[in-house]
Amino acid sequence: MVIRDSGTLGIFMDICERVKITVAYYIVTYVVSYGMAFLILIYTAGTIADKPVFVFLINILLLSVFLLIAYAFYRKIGGRAFREYIGLKKEGLLESLIVTAAFFAALNLILATLAYLFLGVNPLAKLVESAYMYSSTPWFDHIDPKLLPVAATVLWLVSGTIHFAFMQAFPYEVLFGKLKKYVVPLISALFIPFYNLPLLTGEWKPDDIVFLGIICPLIYHLCRNSLGIILNYVFFYELPVLVAFLKGWGEEAFQIFLVGRLVWGLVCLLIFVVKYLEIKV
């Protein structure tokens, strides 16, 4: 069935139908994600975490399932192309890239300044140290180093697509135009317990909550493009991808990637300040 407006009653029915679809969508995706993670923990006891093939198969399977779920619910709505419902489109891409990087850079600068002033921590040195000490992704040590940066990039692209195209953009587009005041807070509230599955893992990370759970839905609201968010998430936000370049291609590649991230963030922040806030320099 395709939802159509027909006066006040039609609008009310449309809102009710879209809310029902959104609630049902979140129930299904939560059950699938938490259910799969629970079964993996119970039956493998974490023994597959160091096996790249299984890690990739699980993530590809999860992406495929989310695609099928989203498309099934999309068929109940219709009206626009499916890619527009998940934000994977050319329109708004450049703006999404710039705005996401600008927000990430601004918040990182604020946090770095506070860390330096109140804790006496050199934030750049701390980042480099964290990269060298990183050991939270066991499968990094069980893959050909030459393939590691590519493999990490692909895996986090898959993860980013699940999180930002299917768990933020899709429900946003289903509700957009009907409950404008509540869409962004609702997406944030329902995304935060999903990322890292904290109700199961206990991983309530403040930086992920702020950057990914609060800032990213707001950016999508401004740009209506999830691709720019996903690309910044992979190449500008995630530490494991940076570590993959260090472990895979060595210190020189790591330094180039690190400097590239810093330059990209500062340039985007400058563009945002000049263009979007209309401040003359």
C-alpha atoms as a PDB file:
ATOM      1  CA  MET A   1       0.000   0.000   0.000  1.00  0.00           C
ATOM      2  CA  VAL A   2       1.218   3.532  -0.844  1.00  0.00           C
ATOM      3  CA  ILE A   3       0.493   6.248   1.712  1.00  0.00           C
ATOM      4  CA  ARG A   4      -1.389   9.265   0.345  1.00  0.00           C
ATOM      5  CA  ASP A   5      -2.537  12.525   1.935  1.00  0.00           C
ATOM      6  CA  SER A   6      -6.240  13.382   1.843  1.00  0.00           C
ATOM      7  CA  GLY A   7      -7.066  16.436   3.960  1.00  0.00           C
ATOM      8  CA  THR A   8      -6.682  16.532   7.720  1.00  0.00           C
ATOM      9  CA  LEU A   9      -7.836  12.955   8.210  1.00  0.00           C
ATOM     10  CA  GLY A  10      -5.451  11.781   5.527  1.00  0.00           C
ATOM     11  CA  ILE A  11      -2.545  13.598   7.189  1.00  0.00           C
ATOM     12  CA  PHE A  12      -3.417  12.105  10.568  1.00  0.00           C
ATOM     13  CA  MET A  13      -3.656   8.610   9.095  1.00  0.00           C
ATOM     14  CA  ASP A  14      -0.379   9.158   7.285  1.00  0.00           C
ATOM     15  CA  ILE A  15       1.367  10.170  10.534  1.00  0.00           C
ATOM     16  CA  CYS A  16      -0.030   7.152  12.375  1.00  0.00           C
ATOM     17  CA  GLU A  17       1.041   4.805   9.607  1.00  0.00           C
ATOM     18  CA  ARG A  18       4.556   6.211   9.480  1.00  0.00           C
ATOM     19  CA  VAL A  19       4.930   6.034  13.269  1.00  0.00           C
ATOM     20  CA  LYS A  20       3.785   2.396  13.176  1.00  0.00           C
ATOM     21  CA  ILE A  21       6.290   1.635  10.416  1.00  0.00           C
ATOM     22  CA  THR A  22       9.109   3.327  12.342  1.00  0.00           C
ATOM     23  CA  VAL A  23       8.300   1.504  15.589  1.00  0.00           C
ATOM     24  CA  ALA A  24       8.071  -1.830  13.782  1.00  0.00           C
ATOM     25  CA  TYR A  25      11.329  -1.118  11.944  1.00  0.00           C
ATOM     26  CA  TYR A  26      13.220  -0.397  15.151  1.00  0.00           C
ATOM     27  CA  ILE A  27      11.794  -3.475  16.870  1.00  0.00           C
ATOM     28  CA  VAL A  28      12.889  -5.731  13.999  1.00  0.00           C
ATOM     29  CA  THR A  29      16.372  -4.202  13.661  1.00  0.00           C
ATOM     30  CA  TYR A  30      16.987  -4.271  17.422  1.00  0.00           C
ATOM     31  CA  VAL A  31      15.870  -7.895  17.674  1.00  0.00           C
ATOM     32  CA  VAL A  32      18.061  -8.907  14.729  1.00  0.00           C
ATOM     33  CA  SER A  33      21.158  -7.036  15.960  1.00  0.00           C
ATOM     34  CA  TYR A  34      20.968  -7.910  19.646  1.00  0.00           C
ATOM     35  CA  GLY A  35      19.774 -11.430  18.867  1.00  0.00           C
ATOM     36  CA  MET A  36      22.670 -12.106  16.499  1.00  0.00           C
ATOM     37  CA  ALA A  37      25.224 -10.632  18.921  1.00  0.00           C
ATOM     38  CA  PHE A  38      23.789 -12.658  21.806  1.00  0.00           C
ATOM     39  CA  LEU A  39      23.926 -15.906  19.840  1.00  0.00           C
ATOM     40  CA  ILE A  40      27.505 -15.198  18.754  1.00  0.00           C
ATOM     41  CA  LEU A  41      28.569 -14.567  22.371  1.00  0.00           C
ATOM     42  CA  ILE A  42      26.789 -17.669  23.644  1.00  0.00           C
ATOM     43  CA  TYR A  43      27.915 -20.138  20.999  1.00  0.00           C
ATOM     44  CA  THR A  44      31.391 -18.869  20.141  1.00  0.00           C
ATOM     45  CA  ALA A  45      32.470 -17.281  23.463  1.00  0.00           C
ATOM     46  CA  GLY A  46      34.240 -14.562  21.486  1.00  0.00           C
ATOM     47  CA  THR A  47      36.519 -17.043  19.690  1.00  0.00           C
ATOM     48  CA  ILE A  48      35.753 -15.655  16.218  1.00  0.00           C
ATOM     49  CA  ALA A  49      36.918 -12.105  17.043  1.00  0.00           C
ATOM     50  CA  ASP A  50      40.392 -12.905  15.749  1.00  0.00           C
ATOM     51  CA  LYS A  51      39.184 -14.570  12.536  1.00  0.00           C
ATOM     52  CA  PRO A  52      38.891 -11.984   9.709  1.00  0.00           C
ATOM     53  CA  VAL A  53      36.757 -14.210   7.464  1.00  0.00           C
ATOM     54  CA  PHE A  54      34.075 -14.692  10.132  1.00  0.00           C
ATOM     55  CA  VAL A  55      34.138 -11.021  11.104  1.00  0.00           C
ATOM     56  CA  PHE A  56      33.564  -9.998   7.490  1.00  0.00           C
ATOM     57  CA  LEU A  57      30.883 -12.636   6.864  1.00  0.00           C
ATOM     58  CA  ILE A  58      28.925 -11.550   9.935  1.00  0.00           C
ATOM     59  CA  ASN A  59      29.055  -7.883   8.966  1.00  0.00           C
ATOM     60  CA  ILE A  60      28.131  -8.543   5.332  1.00  0.00           C
ATOM     61  CA  LEU A  61      25.262 -10.745   6.508  1.00  0.00           C
ATOM     62  CA  LEU A  62      24.071  -8.019   8.869  1.00  0.00           C
ATOM     63  CA  LEU A  63      24.248  -5.407   6.100  1.00  0.00           C
ATOM     64  CA  SER A  64      22.263  -7.674   3.763  1.00  0.00           C
ATOM     65  CA  VAL A  65      19.605  -8.298   6.413  1.00  0.00           C
ATOM     66  CA  PHE A  66      19.272  -4.567   7.141  1.00  0.00           C
ATOM     67  CA  LEU A  67      18.955  -3.852   3.426  1.00  0.00           C
ATOM     68  CA  LEU A  68      16.155  -6.381   3.099  1.00  0.00           C
ATOM     69  CA  ILE A  69      14.381  -5.108   6.225  1.00  0.00           C
ATOM     70  CA  ALA A  70      14.579  -1.458   5.142  1.00  0.00           C
ATOM     71  CA  TYR A  71      13.423  -2.269   1.622  1.00  0.00           C
ATOM     72  CA  ALA A  72      10.485  -4.295   2.930  1.00  0.00           C
ATOM     73  CA  PHE A  73       9.305  -1.342   5.031  1.00  0.00           C
ATOM     74  CA  TYR A  74      10.045   1.067   2.182  1.00  0.00           C
ATOM     75  CA  ARG A  75       7.579  -0.857  -0.001  1.00  0.00           C
ATOM     76  CA  LYS A  76       4.843   0.131   2.465  1.00  0.00           C
ATOM     77  CA  ILE A  77       5.601   3.831   1.932  1.00  0.00           C
ATOM     78  CA  GLY A  78       6.831   4.370  -1.635  1.00  0.00           C
ATOM     79  CA  GLY A  79       6.752   7.797  -3.249  1.00  0.00           C
ATOM     80  CA  ARG A  80      10.514   8.266  -3.702  1.00  0.00           C
ATOM     81  CA  ALA A  81      13.514   6.240  -4.772  1.00  0.00           C
ATOM     82  CA  PHE A  82      14.835   3.856  -2.112  1.00  0.00           C
ATOM     83  CA  ARG A  83      18.311   5.428  -2.177  1.00  0.00           C
ATOM     84  CA  GLU A  84      16.765   8.724  -1.058  1.00  0.00           C
ATOM     85  CA  TYR A  85      15.334   7.014   2.006  1.00  0.00           C
ATOM     86  CA  ILE A  86      18.798   5.847   3.080  1.00  0.00           C
ATOM     87  CA  GLY A  87      20.615   9.040   2.076  1.00  0.00           C
ATOM     88  CA  LEU A  88      23.046   7.396  -0.363  1.00  0.00           C
ATOM     89  CA  LYS A  89      22.881   9.962  -3.158  1.00  0.00           C
ATOM     90  CA  LYS A  90      24.904  12.640  -4.930  1.00  0.00           C
ATOM     91  CA  GLU A  91      22.678  15.489  -3.814  1.00  0.00           C
ATOM     92  CA  GLY A  92      24.068  17.091  -0.671  1.00  0.00           C
ATOM     93  CA  LEU A  93      27.208  14.932  -0.662  1.00  0.00           C
ATOM     94  CA  LEU A  94      29.748  17.765  -0.664  1.00  0.00           C
ATOM     95  CA  GLU A  95      27.827  19.670   1.986  1.00  0.00           C
ATOM     96  CA  SER A  96      27.546  16.537   4.125  1.00  0.00           C
ATOM     97  CA  LEU A  97      31.288  15.862   3.809  1.00  0.00           C
ATOM     98  CA  ILE A  98      32.209  19.407   4.819  1.00  0.00           C
ATOM     99  CA  VAL A  99      29.683  19.841   7.616  1.00  0.00           C
ATOM    100  CA  THR A 100      30.435  16.453   9.216  1.00  0.00           C
ATOM    101  CA  ALA A 101      34.203  17.023   9.163  1.00  0.00           C
ATOM    102  CA  ALA A 102      33.731  20.572  10.444  1.00  0.00           C
ATOM    103  CA  PHE A 103      31.632  19.421  13.409  1.00  0.00           C
ATOM    104  CA  PHE A 104      34.046  16.601  14.214  1.00  0.00           C
ATOM    105  CA  ALA A 105      37.034  18.963  13.971  1.00  0.00           C
ATOM    106  CA  ALA A 106      35.388  21.645  16.113  1.00  0.00           C
ATOM    107  CA  LEU A 107      34.441  19.229  18.882  1.00  0.00           C
ATOM    108  CA  ASN A 108      37.864  17.592  18.772  1.00  0.00           C
ATOM    109  CA  LEU A 109      39.530  20.994  19.075  1.00  0.00           C
ATOM    110  CA  ILE A 110      37.357  21.855  22.062  1.00  0.00           C
ATOM    111  CA  LEU A 111      38.103  18.544  23.776  1.00  0.00           C
ATOM    112  CA  ALA A 112      41.825  18.806  22.954  1.00  0.00           C
ATOM    113  CA  THR A 113      41.994  22.323  24.376  1.00  0.00           C
ATOM    114  CA  LEU A 114      40.222  21.284  27.575  1.00  0.00           C
ATOM    115  CA  ALA A 115      42.485  18.241  27.939  1.00  0.00           C
ATOM    116  CA  TYR A 116      45.578  20.411  27.525  1.00  0.00           C
ATOM    117  CA  LEU A 117      44.450  23.217  29.840  1.00  0.00           C
ATOM    118  CA  PHE A 118      42.995  21.158  32.684  1.00  0.00           C
ATOM    119  CA  LEU A 119      44.834  17.838  32.443  1.00  0.00           C
ATOM    120  CA  GLY A 120      48.115  18.903  30.887  1.00  0.00           C
ATOM    121  CA  VAL A 121      47.697  16.259  28.166  1.00  0.00           C
ATOM    122  CA  ASN A 122      49.163  16.746  24.701  1.00  0.00           C
ATOM    123  CA  PRO A 123      46.182  15.565  22.607  1.00  0.00           C
ATOM    124  CA  LEU A 124      48.148  14.814  19.442  1.00  0.00           C
ATOM    125  CA  ALA A 125      50.766  12.834  21.339  1.00  0.00           C
ATOM    126  CA  LYS A 126      47.975  10.983  23.152  1.00  0.00           C
ATOM    127  CA  LEU A 127      46.337  10.093  19.827  1.00  0.00           C
ATOM    128  CA  VAL A 128      49.600   8.715  18.440  1.00  0.00           C
ATOM    129  CA  GLU A 129      50.232   6.783  21.655  1.00  0.00           C
ATOM    130  CA  SER A 130      46.705   5.328  21.515  1.00  0.00           C
ATOM    131  CA  ALA A 131      47.301   4.185  17.944  1.00  0.00           C
ATOM    132  CA  TYR A 132      50.527   2.405  18.881  1.00  0.00           C
ATOM    133  CA  MET A 133      48.991   0.813  21.980  1.00  0.00           C
ATOM    134  CA  TYR A 134      45.704  -0.172  20.294  1.00  0.00           C
ATOM    135  CA  SER A 135      44.795  -3.857  20.668  1.00  0.00           C
ATOM    136  CA  SER A 136      40.992  -3.937  20.674  1.00  0.00           C
ATOM    137  CA  THR A 137      40.609  -5.511  17.222  1.00  0.00           C
ATOM    138  CA  PRO A 138      42.158  -9.008  17.404  1.00  0.00           C
ATOM    139  CA  TRP A 139      41.677  -9.872  13.731  1.00  0.00           C
ATOM    140  CA  PHE A 140      44.168  -7.130  12.769  1.00  0.00           C
ATOM    141  CA  ASP A 141      46.960  -9.552  13.724  1.00  0.00           C
ATOM    142  CA  HIS A 142      45.577 -12.398  11.594  1.00  0.00           C
ATOM    143  CA  ILE A 143      45.523 -10.887   8.118  1.00  0.00           C
ATOM    144  CA  ASP A 144      48.139 -10.025   5.524  1.00  0.00           C
ATOM    145  CA  PRO A 145      49.485  -6.576   6.575  1.00  0.00           C
ATOM    146  CA  LYS A 146      49.370  -5.361   2.975  1.00  0.00           C
ATOM    147  CA  LEU A 147      45.629  -6.015   2.905  1.00  0.00           C
ATOM    148  CA  LEU A 148      44.872  -4.702   6.389  1.00  0.00           C
ATOM    149  CA  PRO A 149      44.190  -1.004   5.563  1.00  0.00           C
ATOM    150  CA  VAL A 150      41.895  -1.973   2.687  1.00  0.00           C
ATOM    151  CA  ALA A 151      40.122  -4.616   4.762  1.00  0.00           C
ATOM    152  CA  ALA A 152      39.606  -2.217   7.675  1.00  0.00           C
ATOM    153  CA  THR A 153      38.292   0.472   5.347  1.00  0.00           C
ATOM    154  CA  VAL A 154      35.786  -1.917   3.757  1.00  0.00           C
ATOM    155  CA  LEU A 155      34.625  -3.273   7.109  1.00  0.00           C
ATOM    156  CA  TRP A 156      34.052   0.172   8.604  1.00  0.00           C
ATOM    157  CA  LEU A 157      32.279   1.287   5.427  1.00  0.00           C
ATOM    158  CA  VAL A 158      29.888  -1.618   5.954  1.00  0.00           C
ATOM    159  CA  SER A 159      29.482  -0.660   9.616  1.00  0.00           C
ATOM    160  CA  GLY A 160      28.952   2.994   8.732  1.00  0.00           C
ATOM    161  CA  THR A 161      26.296   2.098   6.175  1.00  0.00           C
ATOM    162  CA  ILE A 162      24.392   0.015   8.728  1.00  0.00           C
ATOM    163  CA  HIS A 163      24.554   2.704  11.383  1.00  0.00           C
ATOM    164  CA  PHE A 164      24.017   5.896   9.403  1.00  0.00           C
ATOM    165  CA  ALA A 165      22.086   4.853   6.307  1.00  0.00           C
ATOM    166  CA  PHE A 166      19.802   2.285   7.932  1.00  0.00           C
ATOM    167  CA  MET A 167      19.605   3.324  11.598  1.00  0.00           C
ATOM    168  CA  GLN A 168      19.553   7.098  11.150  1.00  0.00           C
ATOM    169  CA  ALA A 169      18.663   8.139   7.597  1.00  0.00           C
ATOM    170  CA  PHE A 170      15.916   5.599   6.904  1.00  0.00           C
ATOM    171  CA  PRO A 171      13.771   6.213  10.017  1.00  0.00           C
ATOM    172  CA  TYR A 172      14.405   9.938   9.643  1.00  0.00           C
ATOM    173  CA  GLU A 173      13.063   9.919   6.080  1.00  0.00           C
ATOM    174  CA  VAL A 174      10.059   7.829   7.080  1.00  0.00           C
ATOM    175  CA  LEU A 175       9.050  10.401   9.701  1.00  0.00           C
ATOM    176  CA  PHE A 176      10.355  13.608   8.094  1.00  0.00           C
ATOM    177  CA  GLY A 177       7.725  16.217   7.313  1.00  0.00           C
ATOM    178  CA  LYS A 178       5.245  14.733   9.762  1.00  0.00           C
ATOM    179  CA  LEU A 179       6.878  15.075  13.178  1.00  0.00           C
ATOM    180  CA  LYS A 180       9.619  17.606  12.469  1.00  0.00           C
ATOM    181  CA  LYS A 181      10.172  18.729  16.067  1.00  0.00           C
ATOM    182  CA  TYR A 182      10.670  15.211  17.359  1.00  0.00           C
ATOM    183  CA  VAL A 183      12.500  13.400  14.556  1.00  0.00           C
ATOM    184  CA  VAL A 184      16.126  14.254  15.440  1.00  0.00           C
ATOM    185  CA  PRO A 185      15.775  13.666  19.228  1.00  0.00           C
ATOM    186  CA  LEU A 186      13.924  10.421  18.507  1.00  0.00           C
ATOM    187  CA  ILE A 187      16.609   9.177  16.107  1.00  0.00           C
ATOM    188  CA  SER A 188      19.313  10.063  18.645  1.00  0.00           C
ATOM    189  CA  ALA A 189      17.496   8.358  21.520  1.00  0.00           C
ATOM    190  CA  LEU A 190      17.013   5.152  19.544  1.00  0.00           C
ATOM    191  CA  PHE A 191      20.472   5.136  17.953  1.00  0.00           C
ATOM    192  CA  ILE A 192      22.508   5.470  21.161  1.00  0.00           C
ATOM    193  CA  PRO A 193      21.391   2.082  22.610  1.00  0.00           C
ATOM    194  CA  PHE A 194      22.113   0.513  19.213  1.00  0.00           C
ATOM    195  CA  TYR A 195      25.692   1.608  18.507  1.00  0.00           C
ATOM    196  CA  ASN A 196      28.109  -0.904  20.085  1.00  0.00           C
ATOM    197  CA  LEU A 197      25.016  -2.709  21.455  1.00  0.00           C
ATOM    198  CA  PRO A 198      25.679  -1.277  24.954  1.00  0.00           C
ATOM    199  CA  LEU A 199      22.702  -3.033  26.565  1.00  0.00           C
ATOM    200  CA  LEU A 200      24.593  -6.264  25.897  1.00  0.00           C
ATOM    201  CA  THR A 201      28.228  -5.179  25.897  1.00  0.00           C
ATOM    202  CA  GLY A 202      28.109  -2.366  28.460  1.00  0.00           C
ATOM    203  CA  GLU A 203      30.016  -0.064  26.060  1.00  0.00           C
ATOM    204  CA  TRP A 204      28.476   3.343  26.742  1.00  0.00           C
ATOM    205  CA  LYS A 205      31.232   5.523  25.283  1.00  0.00           C
ATOM    206  CA  PRO A 206      30.692   9.285  25.830  1.00  0.00           C
ATOM    207  CA  ASP A 207      32.523  10.266  22.614  1.00  0.00           C
ATOM    208  CA  ASP A 208      30.386   7.906  20.509  1.00  0.00           C
ATOM    209  CA  ILE A 209      27.213   9.133  22.200  1.00  0.00           C
ATOM    210  CA  VAL A 210      28.040  12.790  21.498  1.00  0.00           C
ATOM    211  CA  PHE A 211      29.647  12.506  18.058  1.00  0.00           C
ATOM    212  CA  LEU A 212      27.643   9.677  16.506  1.00  0.00           C
ATOM    213  CA  GLY A 213      24.439   9.624  18.518  1.00  0.00           C
ATOM    214  CA  ILE A 214      23.744  13.357  18.801  1.00  0.00           C
ATOM    215  CA  ILE A 215      25.810  15.250  16.225  1.00  0.00           C
ATOM    216  CA  CYS A 216      25.348  12.897  13.260  1.00  0.00           C
ATOM    217  CA  PRO A 217      21.507  12.885  13.296  1.00  0.00           C
ATOM    218  CA  LEU A 218      21.658  16.680  13.439  1.00  0.00           C
ATOM    219  CA  ILE A 219      24.040  16.751  10.456  1.00  0.00           C
ATOM    220  CA  TYR A 220      21.741  14.450   8.509  1.00  0.00           C
ATOM    221  CA  HIS A 221      18.859  16.780   9.311  1.00  0.00           C
ATOM    222  CA  LEU A 222      20.875  19.666   7.828  1.00  0.00           C
ATOM    223  CA  CYS A 223      22.227  17.879   4.731  1.00  0.00           C
ATOM    224  CA  ARG A 224      19.919  14.882   4.080  1.00  0.00           C
ATOM    225  CA  ASN A 225      22.903  12.838   2.884  1.00  0.00           C
ATOM    226  CA  SER A 226      24.326   9.887   4.825  1.00  0.00           C
ATOM    227  CA  LEU A 227      27.220   9.148   2.451  1.00  0.00           C
ATOM    228  CA  GLY A 228      29.252  12.141   3.630  1.00  0.00           C
ATOM    229  CA  ILE A 229      28.705  11.101   7.249  1.00  0.00           C
ATOM    230  CA  ILE A 230      29.784   7.521   6.496  1.00  0.00           C
ATOM    231  CA  LEU A 231      32.984   8.593   4.715  1.00  0.00           C
ATOM    232  CA  ASN A 232      33.977  10.940   7.546  1.00  0.00           C
ATOM    233  CA  TYR A 233      33.143   8.246  10.088  1.00  0.00           C
ATOM    234  CA  VAL A 234      35.539   5.834   8.357  1.00  0.00           C
ATOM    235  CA  PHE A 235      38.414   8.119   7.410  1.00  0.00           C
ATOM    236  CA  PHE A 236      38.198  10.923   9.969  1.00  0.00           C
ATOM    237  CA  TYR A 237      36.585   9.544  13.112  1.00  0.00           C
ATOM    238  CA  GLU A 238      37.472   5.910  13.680  1.00  0.00           C
ATOM    239  CA  LEU A 239      40.806   5.160  15.391  1.00  0.00           C
ATOM    240  CA  PRO A 240      40.948   1.491  14.251  1.00  0.00           C
ATOM    241  CA  VAL A 241      41.156   2.534  10.595  1.00  0.00           C
ATOM    242  CA  LEU A 242      44.104   4.778  11.446  1.00  0.00           C
ATOM    243  CA  VAL A 243      45.707   1.891  13.347  1.00  0.00           C
ATOM    244  CA  ALA A 244      45.197  -0.385  10.336  1.00  0.00           C
ATOM    245  CA  PHE A 245      47.372   1.918   8.218  1.00  0.00           C
ATOM    246  CA  LEU A 246      50.044   1.862  10.919  1.00  0.00           C
ATOM    247  CA  LYS A 247      50.073  -1.921  11.297  1.00  0.00           C
ATOM    248  CA  GLY A 248      49.603  -2.608   7.618  1.00  0.00           C
ATOM    249  CA  TRP A 249      51.631  -0.079   5.682  1.00  0.00           C
ATOM    250  CA  GLY A 250      53.989   1.259   8.344  1.00  0.00           C
ATOM    251  CA  GLU A 251      54.778   4.550  10.058  1.00  0.00           C
ATOM    252  CA  GLU A 252      55.074   6.625   6.889  1.00  0.00           C
ATOM    253  CA  ALA A 253      51.572   5.676   5.718  1.00  0.00           C
ATOM    254  CA  PHE A 254      50.290   6.250   9.245  1.00  0.00           C
ATOM    255  CA  GLN A 255      51.815   9.737   9.394  1.00  0.00           C
ATOM    256  CA  ILE A 256      50.460  10.662   5.944  1.00  0.00           C
ATOM    257  CA  PHE A 257      46.993   9.455   6.912  1.00  0.00           C
ATOM    258  CA  LEU A 258      47.125  11.230  10.276  1.00  0.00           C
ATOM    259  CA  VAL A 259      48.252  14.546   8.749  1.00  0.00           C
ATOM    260  CA  GLY A 260      45.634  14.141   6.034  1.00  0.00           C
ATOM    261  CA  ARG A 261      42.926  13.728   8.664  1.00  0.00           C
ATOM    262  CA  LEU A 262      44.074  16.827  10.537  1.00  0.00           C
ATOM    263  CA  VAL A 263      44.310  18.957   7.388  1.00  0.00           C
ATOM    264  CA  TRP A 264      40.945  17.732   6.114  1.00  0.00           C
ATOM    265  CA  GLY A 265      39.250  18.589   9.394  1.00  0.00           C
ATOM    266  CA  LEU A 266      40.761  22.058   9.667  1.00  0.00           C
ATOM    267  CA  VAL A 267      40.039  22.929   6.024  1.00  0.00           C
ATOM    268  CA  CYS A 268      36.411  21.814   6.356  1.00  0.00           C
ATOM    269  CA  LEU A 269      36.048  23.757   9.598  1.00  0.00           C
ATOM    270  CA  LEU A 270      37.380  26.877   7.895  1.00  0.00           C
ATOM    271  CA  ILE A 271      35.026  26.420   4.933  1.00  0.00           C
ATOM    272  CA  PHE A 272      32.111  25.903   7.288  1.00  0.00           C
ATOM    273  CA  VAL A 273      32.916  29.022   9.292  1.00  0.00           C
ATOM    274  CA  VAL A 274      33.330  31.182   6.182  1.00  0.00           C
ATOM    275  CA  LYS A 275      30.536  29.789   4.024  1.00  0.00           C
ATOM    276  CA  TYR A 276      27.857  28.589   6.395  1.00  0.00           C
ATOM    277  CA  LEU A 277      28.221  31.026   9.271  1.00  0.00           C
ATOM    278  CA  GLU A 278      29.062  33.911   6.915  1.00  0.00           C
ATOM    279  CA  ILE A 279      32.013  35.173   8.925  1.00  0.00           C
ATOM    280  CA  LYS A 280      34.448  37.251   6.885  1.00  0.00           C
ATOM    281  CA  VAL A 281      38.145  36.593   7.208  1.00  0.00           C
END
